[in-house]
Every structure is written in C-alpha cells, then in structure tokens.
C-alpha cells in the first residue's frame, strides 16, 4: 500500500508546546512528569504529565474571550491545530476540510467545575453540553471555520489512533480530499481518581517494560495530523505516509488486556497485511507501554508472538509525557513520524530490569539508525486495540 500522505502536524504536551520543543525533549531524554500545579486534586503528590498553562493562558493566546465555553481539551486541540495550520502552509484551511477528533473524557473538566452550581447560576448552564465528547470537536471546527465532515471518536486510549485510521480510510476510498485527524485530552479529577481506584497509578515516574514497573502516570496533550489525497498535494512536503492500520477488540476484560496479547496480536497482523509488509520490514515499534503490570506483559507477549526472536527496536514514549489517554495515539503517531524524518529511535525512560517473562529490553538511549517504517500501538479500556504503520515517502 502506497499510503496516505501526512502534510502537517501540530502538538502540545508536557514536553513541548510545538514540534521543535517536543523533538528537543525526545532527543535529550527530557521528560515532562511533575506534580500537578494547574489541576486541583487531592492527589497533589501523584506525578502527572501536566501542561503548565492555565485555561486563561490558553484562551488569551488563542484570542478567545475570557468567558468562552471551550473545554480544556478544546483549547489544547486548537493550540495544536494552529501549529498544524502553519506547518501545512495554509493561511486558512480550505472550507471543505474535514475533522476527525478522538477524546477519552471530552469536557469532563467543565462538569467538575460547575456540577454543584449550575442549577442556581444560569450563567454556567452554557457548560452543560460540554461533557459530551462531540462538544469539544464542534468547538474546534467552529474556531477554524471547517465546513467538511466533523466526527468524534471515543474509544478510550485508542481514540485518536482510530481517528487517524478513519481519516486514512476515507482519503484512500476517495470520500475525502483533506482531513485533520488526531485527538485531545486533559487531566481531570475524574480520571485521576478513577485510575487511583484501579490501583494502577505510580507514585514515581513510570517505567514501561521494567520488571519492577508499578503503574502509569496520567498526562494531557493534543496532537493532530493533516492527511491529504495525492491529487491535492501540489508539490507539498510529505512528512510520511500511513500505509497500514488495524483495529480489533481483545474481548477479555473491561480494564485489562488478555495474557496472551490476542487483541494486540490481531491488530498488528492486520496492519502488516494492509501495508503489505512482513514483520521483518518494521524498523521500530512505538509501543503502547503504559507501565502497568498487565499492559506491558500482554503487549510484549504479542510482540514475541509476531516477531519471535527478532523483535525490532522498540520503546514506550510514555515515560516522557505520561499516558495522555485519548490523545496518546495521535502524539505517538507524531513521535513515529519524527523518528522517520530524523532516522532515530527515542528512549524508553526509567528502564532498569528486563521482564522475566519475555526478557525483552526496550531502547534505553537515543539511537541513531535508519528508520523506514514504524509500527505504533494504542490499546484502550474495553479491549479496543489499534495499530498504525507509518513509512517514509519514497
């Protein structure tokens, strides 16, 4: 499969407010994990990947009125897409540009802020609809005046990976010419409390694929790609191509992956088939790697089932950003494209001891090597698993 062209990218996370800062952090092993300062939470000592900008800061930068009804996820999304707009050499997006955005929690932050007073205070009732994931996407579309297809996907931690897959499929089928794909999620008390109740939050910096791993760090981010049909390119620089994708359900447990990695195995194999590649063609695997006992074992078993004794260089980048939930697939797609562009593999931070069950060791320092294809995995609660394959534009 030739693949669908990526002609623009934009990102904001705890390791950078643009592509250049993000790349610097990845190349210099500079993580964005810290104690929460913006989010008001009882878990004030729990490390998170927080963007140190208030909603007021973001609104001012985006020239929005102080009393706007944008969710934090929408503010982060607009911030990231503004960079995408600049990188894709548009002054304004063509009116028929579509938007497919993924999110796990949507506008839950507004629910938390106004739940106790919306009945008495009429002025905050404009936030009632904000909890719905589609509200965030509609705000983003309105900000940029997008007149094409606007769709929201919410499949937990695979949300934005599925948005990318859906956009690529619509371009490949000829149903769209140009689409912004990706996702956005912010830190909330709801998610921090929820993951705490599951007992899978680490109280230190997360250690994906380490034998002594003890949980994940939550994070917040937004990342978006611009996909365009080949007849729209007009000599544009192509940052890479999406050549493979697969989605399946692990069908094992609501908040856990199967011990044999069946869901991961199925989607990786489907992505390879779509891309017309064999396992040996993969240069690098950007693993889902959350740092929980369950996920990392399940994913590593799937990798050994597919690659045998020849597992390609792999790493989880969640040591940099934390687990950004619905945005994870998109920002890690961007990391994958940066890997392709710069012929380098970013390290799996905080790793010390290999897992006894599989013996797999991720890349632990920045590695310069030829990278032609990257497999990026995103696995969500409810068993929703997605893999994407990116390649250089030949």
Protein backbone atom coordinates (compact mmCIF):
# COMPACT_ATOMS: atom_id res chain seq x y z
CA UNK A 1 0.00 0.00 0.00
CA UNK A 2 1.42 3.37 -1.05
CA UNK A 3 -0.24 5.04 1.89
CA UNK A 4 -1.93 8.33 2.66
CA UNK A 5 0.23 11.45 2.79
CA UNK A 6 0.78 13.40 6.00
CA UNK A 7 1.39 17.07 5.14
CA UNK A 8 1.08 18.79 8.51
CA UNK A 9 1.49 18.16 12.23
CA UNK A 10 0.85 20.05 15.44
CA UNK A 11 1.33 19.09 19.08
CA UNK A 12 1.24 20.29 22.66
CA UNK A 13 2.12 18.15 25.66
CA UNK A 14 4.10 18.33 28.87
CA UNK A 15 7.36 18.00 26.90
CA UNK A 16 6.74 20.82 24.45
CA UNK A 17 4.30 23.35 23.05
CA UNK A 18 5.35 22.73 19.45
CA UNK A 19 7.18 20.22 17.28
CA UNK A 20 10.64 21.73 17.78
CA UNK A 21 10.43 21.71 21.58
CA UNK A 22 8.97 18.21 21.52
CA UNK A 23 11.80 16.91 19.35
CA UNK A 24 14.37 18.52 21.65
CA UNK A 25 12.84 16.76 24.66
CA UNK A 26 12.76 13.40 22.88
CA UNK A 27 16.36 13.71 21.74
CA UNK A 28 17.61 14.80 25.17
CA UNK A 29 15.61 12.42 27.39
CA UNK A 30 13.79 15.36 28.97
CA UNK A 31 10.53 14.17 30.48
CA UNK A 32 7.53 16.30 31.44
CA UNK A 33 6.49 14.40 34.56
CA UNK A 34 5.89 16.52 37.67
CA UNK A 35 3.43 17.13 40.49
CA UNK A 36 0.13 18.77 39.45
CA UNK A 37 0.06 22.56 39.64
CA UNK A 38 -2.83 23.52 37.34
CA UNK A 39 -5.23 20.69 38.25
CA UNK A 40 -6.75 21.00 41.72
CA UNK A 41 -6.75 17.50 43.18
CA UNK A 42 -6.39 15.65 46.45
CA UNK A 43 -3.65 13.60 44.75
CA UNK A 44 -1.27 16.54 44.83
CA UNK A 45 1.83 14.36 45.17
CA UNK A 46 0.96 11.98 42.34
CA UNK A 47 3.23 12.64 39.33
CA UNK A 48 1.49 13.61 36.08
CA UNK A 49 2.38 14.90 32.63
CA UNK A 50 0.78 18.32 33.04
CA UNK A 51 0.93 21.25 30.62
CA UNK A 52 1.85 24.24 32.77
CA UNK A 53 -0.66 26.62 31.20
CA UNK A 54 -4.00 27.63 32.67
CA UNK A 55 -7.17 27.79 30.60
CA UNK A 56 -6.92 31.58 30.84
CA UNK A 57 -3.39 31.44 29.43
CA UNK A 58 -4.56 29.30 26.52
CA UNK A 59 -7.64 31.45 25.86
CA UNK A 60 -5.55 34.60 25.71
CA UNK A 61 -3.06 33.06 23.27
CA UNK A 62 -5.94 31.88 21.08
CA UNK A 63 -7.66 35.30 21.19
CA UNK A 64 -10.78 33.89 22.82
CA UNK A 65 -12.94 35.95 25.21
CA UNK A 66 -12.40 35.23 28.92
CA UNK A 67 -15.94 33.83 29.29
CA UNK A 68 -15.66 31.35 26.38
CA UNK A 69 -17.23 27.91 26.78
CA UNK A 70 -14.27 25.94 25.40
CA UNK A 71 -13.28 22.85 27.34
CA UNK A 72 -9.60 22.45 28.21
CA UNK A 73 -9.41 19.63 25.67
CA UNK A 74 -10.75 22.02 23.02
CA UNK A 75 -8.24 24.72 23.97
CA UNK A 76 -5.37 22.24 23.68
CA UNK A 77 -6.72 20.97 20.36
CA UNK A 78 -6.98 24.46 18.86
CA UNK A 79 -3.46 25.25 20.10
CA UNK A 80 -2.05 22.15 18.37
CA UNK A 81 -4.03 22.64 15.15
CA UNK A 82 -2.78 26.22 14.91
CA UNK A 83 0.73 24.79 14.57
CA UNK A 84 -0.52 22.24 12.04
CA UNK A 85 -2.02 25.11 10.02
CA UNK A 86 1.35 26.87 9.90
CA UNK A 87 3.28 23.69 9.09
CA UNK A 88 0.93 22.80 6.23
CA UNK A 89 1.45 26.22 4.59
CA UNK A 90 -2.19 27.26 4.68
CA UNK A 91 -3.28 30.72 5.76
CA UNK A 92 -6.74 29.29 6.35
CA UNK A 93 -7.93 25.73 5.90
CA UNK A 94 -9.96 25.18 2.72
CA UNK A 95 -13.64 25.24 3.63
CA UNK A 96 -14.21 21.58 2.77
CA UNK A 97 -11.51 20.38 5.19
CA UNK A 98 -12.85 17.61 7.44
CA UNK A 99 -12.05 16.99 11.11
CA UNK A 100 -11.99 13.64 12.91
CA UNK A 101 -11.02 14.00 16.55
CA UNK A 102 -10.61 11.45 19.31
CA UNK A 103 -11.03 12.00 23.03
CA UNK A 104 -11.49 9.79 26.04
CA UNK A 105 -13.15 12.17 28.51
CA UNK A 106 -14.27 15.13 26.41
CA UNK A 107 -15.29 18.07 28.60
CA UNK A 108 -15.35 16.34 31.97
CA UNK A 109 -13.35 19.27 33.37
CA UNK A 110 -16.35 21.57 32.89
CA UNK A 111 -18.63 19.09 34.64
CA UNK A 112 -16.29 19.02 37.62
CA UNK A 113 -16.13 22.81 37.71
CA UNK A 114 -19.85 23.54 37.53
CA UNK A 115 -21.68 20.45 38.78
CA UNK A 116 -22.60 21.93 42.15
CA UNK A 117 -23.78 25.34 40.98
CA UNK A 118 -25.33 25.02 37.51
CA UNK A 119 -28.88 24.89 38.87
CA UNK A 120 -28.52 28.12 40.83
CA UNK A 121 -26.27 30.01 38.39
CA UNK A 122 -27.81 30.48 34.97
CA UNK A 123 -24.56 31.87 33.57
CA UNK A 124 -22.82 28.49 33.85
CA UNK A 125 -25.55 26.48 32.12
CA UNK A 126 -23.78 27.01 28.81
CA UNK A 127 -21.36 24.33 30.01
CA UNK A 128 -24.00 21.60 30.42
CA UNK A 129 -23.36 20.15 26.96
CA UNK A 130 -19.59 20.39 27.36
CA UNK A 131 -19.23 16.92 28.87
CA UNK A 132 -20.20 15.28 25.58
CA UNK A 133 -17.05 14.47 23.59
CA UNK A 134 -18.59 15.91 20.43
CA UNK A 135 -18.90 19.35 22.04
CA UNK A 136 -15.12 19.70 22.11
CA UNK A 137 -14.83 18.73 18.43
CA UNK A 138 -17.59 21.15 17.39
CA UNK A 139 -15.77 23.99 19.18
CA UNK A 140 -12.59 23.19 17.30
CA UNK A 141 -14.39 23.01 13.94
CA UNK A 142 -16.11 26.34 14.60
CA UNK A 143 -12.82 28.04 15.56
CA UNK A 144 -11.24 27.16 12.21
CA UNK A 145 -14.40 27.53 10.11
CA UNK A 146 -14.29 23.93 8.91
CA UNK A 147 -17.16 23.06 6.61
CA UNK A 148 -16.36 19.44 5.87
CA UNK A 149 -17.22 16.27 7.73
CA UNK A 150 -16.87 16.65 11.51
CA UNK A 151 -16.77 13.46 13.58
CA UNK A 152 -15.79 12.49 17.12
CA UNK A 153 -14.45 9.10 18.20
CA UNK A 154 -14.25 7.99 21.82
CA UNK A 155 -12.73 4.54 22.29
CA UNK A 156 -10.71 5.20 25.43
CA UNK A 157 -6.94 5.20 24.90
CA UNK A 158 -7.13 4.22 21.23
CA UNK A 159 -9.41 7.16 20.35
CA UNK A 160 -7.02 9.32 18.35
CA UNK A 161 -5.34 6.32 16.70
CA UNK A 162 -8.79 5.33 15.46
CA UNK A 163 -9.37 8.90 14.26
CA UNK A 164 -6.17 8.66 12.20
CA UNK A 165 -7.19 5.28 10.83
CA UNK A 166 -10.67 6.52 9.91
CA UNK A 167 -9.25 9.58 8.16
CA UNK A 168 -6.78 7.48 6.20
CA UNK A 169 -9.53 5.11 5.10
CA UNK A 170 -11.76 7.97 3.95
CA UNK A 171 -8.90 9.51 1.96
CA UNK A 172 -7.94 6.15 0.43
CA UNK A 173 -11.55 5.46 -0.57
CA UNK A 174 -11.90 8.84 -2.28
CA UNK A 175 -14.59 10.09 0.10
CA UNK A 176 -12.39 12.88 1.45
CA UNK A 177 -9.64 15.01 -0.06
CA UNK A 178 -8.29 16.61 3.10
CA UNK A 179 -8.85 15.81 6.78
CA UNK A 180 -7.43 16.86 10.14
CA UNK A 181 -7.08 13.80 12.38
CA UNK A 182 -5.89 13.32 15.93
CA UNK A 183 -7.10 13.87 19.44
CA UNK A 184 -7.02 15.80 22.68
CA UNK A 185 -7.48 15.02 26.36
CA UNK A 186 -6.83 16.95 29.54
CA UNK A 187 -6.14 15.98 33.13
CA UNK A 188 -9.22 15.83 35.35
CA UNK A 189 -10.06 14.79 38.87
CA UNK A 190 -12.36 12.15 37.38
CA UNK A 191 -9.55 10.33 35.58
CA UNK A 192 -7.00 10.75 38.36
CA UNK A 193 -9.47 9.41 40.93
CA UNK A 194 -10.60 6.65 38.59
CA UNK A 195 -7.13 5.32 37.83
CA UNK A 196 -6.29 5.63 41.52
CA UNK A 197 -9.26 3.39 42.34
CA UNK A 198 -7.93 0.83 39.86
CA UNK A 199 -4.62 0.91 41.76
CA UNK A 200 -2.57 1.38 38.60
CA UNK A 201 -1.12 4.86 39.23
CA UNK A 202 2.59 5.00 40.00
CA UNK A 203 3.75 7.36 42.73
CA UNK A 204 7.07 7.70 40.92
CA UNK A 205 7.96 8.20 37.27
CA UNK A 206 6.56 5.36 35.17
CA UNK A 207 8.86 2.54 33.99
CA UNK A 208 7.38 0.82 30.94
CA UNK A 209 8.50 -2.77 30.34
CA UNK A 210 10.60 -2.81 33.51
CA UNK A 211 10.29 -5.89 35.70
CA UNK A 212 9.68 -3.58 38.69
CA UNK A 213 7.11 -1.35 36.98
CA UNK A 214 4.31 -0.29 39.32
CA UNK A 215 1.84 1.69 37.25
CA UNK A 216 1.32 4.62 34.93
CA UNK A 217 1.42 8.42 35.14
CA UNK A 218 -1.51 10.26 33.60
CA UNK A 219 -0.85 13.13 31.22
CA UNK A 220 -2.60 15.62 28.97
CA UNK A 221 -1.91 16.54 25.36
CA UNK A 222 -3.26 17.29 21.91
CA UNK A 223 -1.82 16.11 18.62
CA UNK A 224 -3.14 16.39 15.06
CA UNK A 225 -2.06 15.41 11.55
CA UNK A 226 -3.23 16.75 8.21
CA UNK A 227 -3.92 13.99 5.70
CA UNK A 228 -4.32 14.86 2.02
CA UNK A 229 -5.13 12.93 -1.13
CA UNK A 230 -2.29 12.78 -3.65
CA UNK A 231 -4.15 14.96 -6.16
CA UNK A 232 -4.22 17.79 -3.58
CA UNK A 233 -0.51 17.81 -2.81
CA UNK A 234 0.72 20.26 -5.46
CA UNK A 235 4.37 19.72 -4.59
CA UNK A 236 3.89 19.91 -0.83
CA UNK A 237 6.44 18.39 1.51
CA UNK A 238 5.24 14.98 2.67
CA UNK A 239 6.19 14.19 6.26
CA UNK A 240 5.44 10.49 5.89
CA UNK A 241 2.65 8.16 4.86
CA UNK A 242 0.17 6.00 6.73
CA UNK A 243 0.44 2.67 4.96
CA UNK A 244 -1.15 0.24 7.40
CA UNK A 245 -3.74 0.09 10.14
CA UNK A 246 -5.75 -2.45 12.07
CA UNK A 247 -8.41 -2.42 14.78
CA UNK A 248 -9.86 -5.26 16.85
CA UNK A 249 -11.29 -5.94 20.28
CA UNK A 250 -9.38 -8.01 22.78
CA UNK A 251 -12.77 -9.10 24.24
CA UNK A 252 -11.12 -10.11 27.50
CA UNK A 253 -11.88 -7.59 30.28
CA UNK A 254 -13.19 -4.05 30.64
CA UNK A 255 -9.94 -2.66 32.09
CA UNK A 256 -7.33 -5.32 31.36
CA UNK A 257 -5.64 -6.94 28.37
CA UNK A 258 -5.50 -10.68 27.75
CA UNK A 259 -2.46 -12.55 29.00
CA UNK A 260 -1.65 -13.84 25.52
CA UNK A 261 -1.97 -10.38 23.92
CA UNK A 262 -4.62 -11.55 21.48
CA UNK A 263 -6.01 -8.08 20.72
CA UNK A 264 -2.56 -6.62 20.15
CA UNK A 265 -1.56 -9.60 18.02
CA UNK A 266 -4.62 -9.27 15.80
CA UNK A 267 -4.27 -5.55 15.11
CA UNK A 268 -0.54 -5.69 14.41
CA UNK A 269 -1.07 -8.54 11.97
CA UNK A 270 -3.95 -6.66 10.33
CA UNK A 271 -1.82 -3.52 9.97
CA UNK A 272 1.03 -5.52 8.42
CA UNK A 273 -1.38 -7.13 5.96
CA UNK A 274 -2.87 -3.76 4.99
CA UNK A 275 0.61 -2.33 4.42
CA UNK A 276 1.69 -5.45 2.50
CA UNK A 277 4.66 -5.81 4.84
CA UNK A 278 6.21 -8.71 6.70
CA UNK A 279 7.28 -8.43 10.36
CA UNK A 280 10.92 -8.13 9.29
CA UNK A 281 10.09 -4.89 7.41
CA UNK A 282 9.38 -2.96 10.64
CA UNK A 283 12.26 -0.70 11.68
CA UNK A 284 10.89 0.43 15.06
CA UNK A 285 7.90 -0.21 17.31
CA UNK A 286 6.45 2.70 19.26
CA UNK A 287 4.83 0.55 21.92
CA UNK A 288 1.71 1.38 23.90
CA UNK A 289 3.73 0.56 27.03
CA UNK A 290 1.81 2.22 29.87
CA UNK A 291 3.94 0.92 32.73
CA UNK A 292 1.23 -1.26 34.26
CA UNK A 293 1.93 -4.90 35.02
CA UNK A 294 -0.91 -6.09 32.81
CA UNK A 295 -0.46 -3.97 29.69
CA UNK A 296 3.28 -4.33 29.30
CA UNK A 297 3.23 -8.09 29.75
CA UNK A 298 0.34 -8.51 27.31
CA UNK A 299 1.95 -6.28 24.67
CA UNK A 300 5.38 -7.90 25.00
CA UNK A 301 3.83 -11.36 24.61
CA UNK A 302 2.10 -10.16 21.43
CA UNK A 303 5.40 -8.81 20.10
CA UNK A 304 7.15 -12.13 20.68
CA UNK A 305 4.26 -14.00 19.02
CA UNK A 306 4.68 -11.89 15.89
CA UNK A 307 8.41 -11.24 15.70
CA UNK A 308 9.76 -14.31 17.51
CA UNK A 309 13.42 -13.89 18.42
CA UNK A 310 13.74 -10.87 16.10
CA UNK A 311 11.67 -8.22 17.87
CA UNK A 312 12.69 -4.91 16.28
CA UNK A 313 13.94 -1.99 18.38
CA UNK A 314 11.02 -0.82 20.49
CA UNK A 315 10.26 1.71 23.19
CA UNK A 316 7.39 3.36 25.00
CA UNK A 317 7.44 7.17 24.99
CA UNK A 318 5.02 7.43 27.92
CA UNK A 319 7.98 8.00 30.21
CA UNK A 320 8.16 11.43 28.57
CA UNK A 321 4.51 12.51 28.57
CA UNK A 322 2.62 10.14 30.81
CA UNK A 323 -0.42 8.36 29.43
CA UNK A 324 -2.45 11.03 27.66
CA UNK A 325 -5.46 8.74 27.17
CA UNK A 326 -7.44 9.69 24.05
CA UNK A 327 -4.57 11.84 22.75
CA UNK A 328 -1.92 9.12 23.12
CA UNK A 329 -2.34 7.57 19.68
CA UNK A 330 -2.01 10.94 17.96
CA UNK A 331 1.01 12.29 19.80
CA UNK A 332 2.76 8.94 19.40
CA UNK A 333 1.94 9.00 15.70
CA UNK A 334 3.78 12.32 15.62
CA UNK A 335 6.70 10.80 17.55
CA UNK A 336 6.73 7.99 14.98
CA UNK A 337 6.87 10.47 12.09
CA UNK A 338 9.67 12.39 13.82
CA UNK A 339 11.52 9.09 14.13
CA UNK A 340 11.15 8.54 10.38
CA UNK A 341 12.22 12.07 9.49
CA UNK A 342 15.30 12.06 11.70
CA UNK A 343 16.35 8.39 11.47
CA UNK A 344 16.39 7.96 15.23
CA UNK A 345 14.64 5.98 17.95
CA UNK A 346 13.59 7.67 21.18
CA UNK A 347 14.41 6.04 24.51
CA UNK A 348 12.21 4.13 26.92
CA UNK A 349 12.91 6.24 30.01
CA UNK A 350 13.49 4.87 33.52
CA UNK A 351 14.11 1.28 32.39
CA UNK A 352 16.44 -0.84 34.56
CA UNK A 353 15.49 -4.52 34.64
CA UNK A 354 14.06 -6.64 31.83
CA UNK A 355 10.79 -8.50 32.34
CA UNK A 356 11.41 -12.07 33.45
CA UNK A 357 8.51 -13.44 31.42
CA UNK A 358 9.80 -12.36 27.99
CA UNK A 359 13.28 -10.96 28.54
CA UNK A 360 12.59 -8.10 26.13
CA UNK A 361 14.67 -4.94 26.52
CA UNK A 362 13.49 -1.64 25.01
CA UNK A 363 15.79 1.01 23.56
CA UNK A 364 17.15 2.94 26.56
CA UNK A 365 19.09 5.81 24.97
CA UNK A 366 18.62 7.85 21.82
CA UNK A 367 19.61 5.60 18.94
CA UNK A 368 20.57 6.90 15.50
CA UNK A 369 19.77 4.36 12.82
CA UNK A 370 17.94 4.12 9.52
CA UNK A 371 14.18 4.09 10.13
CA UNK A 372 11.96 3.30 7.14
CA UNK A 373 8.80 2.00 8.83
CA UNK A 374 7.31 2.50 12.29
CA UNK A 375 4.60 0.46 13.97
CA UNK A 376 2.68 2.47 16.59
CA UNK A 377 0.38 0.69 19.05
CA UNK A 378 -2.57 2.10 21.01
CA UNK A 379 -4.67 -0.10 23.27
CA UNK A 380 -7.70 1.11 25.22
CA UNK A 381 -10.01 0.07 28.01
CA UNK A 382 -12.90 -2.02 26.79
CA UNK A 383 -10.40 -4.03 24.76
CA UNK A 384 -10.23 -1.58 21.85
CA UNK A 385 -6.86 -2.12 20.15
CA UNK A 386 -5.41 -0.22 17.19
CA UNK A 387 -2.08 -0.32 15.36
CA UNK A 388 -0.84 2.13 12.74
CA UNK A 389 2.13 1.77 10.39
CA UNK A 390 3.95 4.81 9.03
CA UNK A 391 6.63 4.86 6.37
CA UNK A 392 8.85 7.36 4.66
CA UNK A 393 7.62 8.95 1.46
CA UNK A 394 9.65 7.31 -1.30
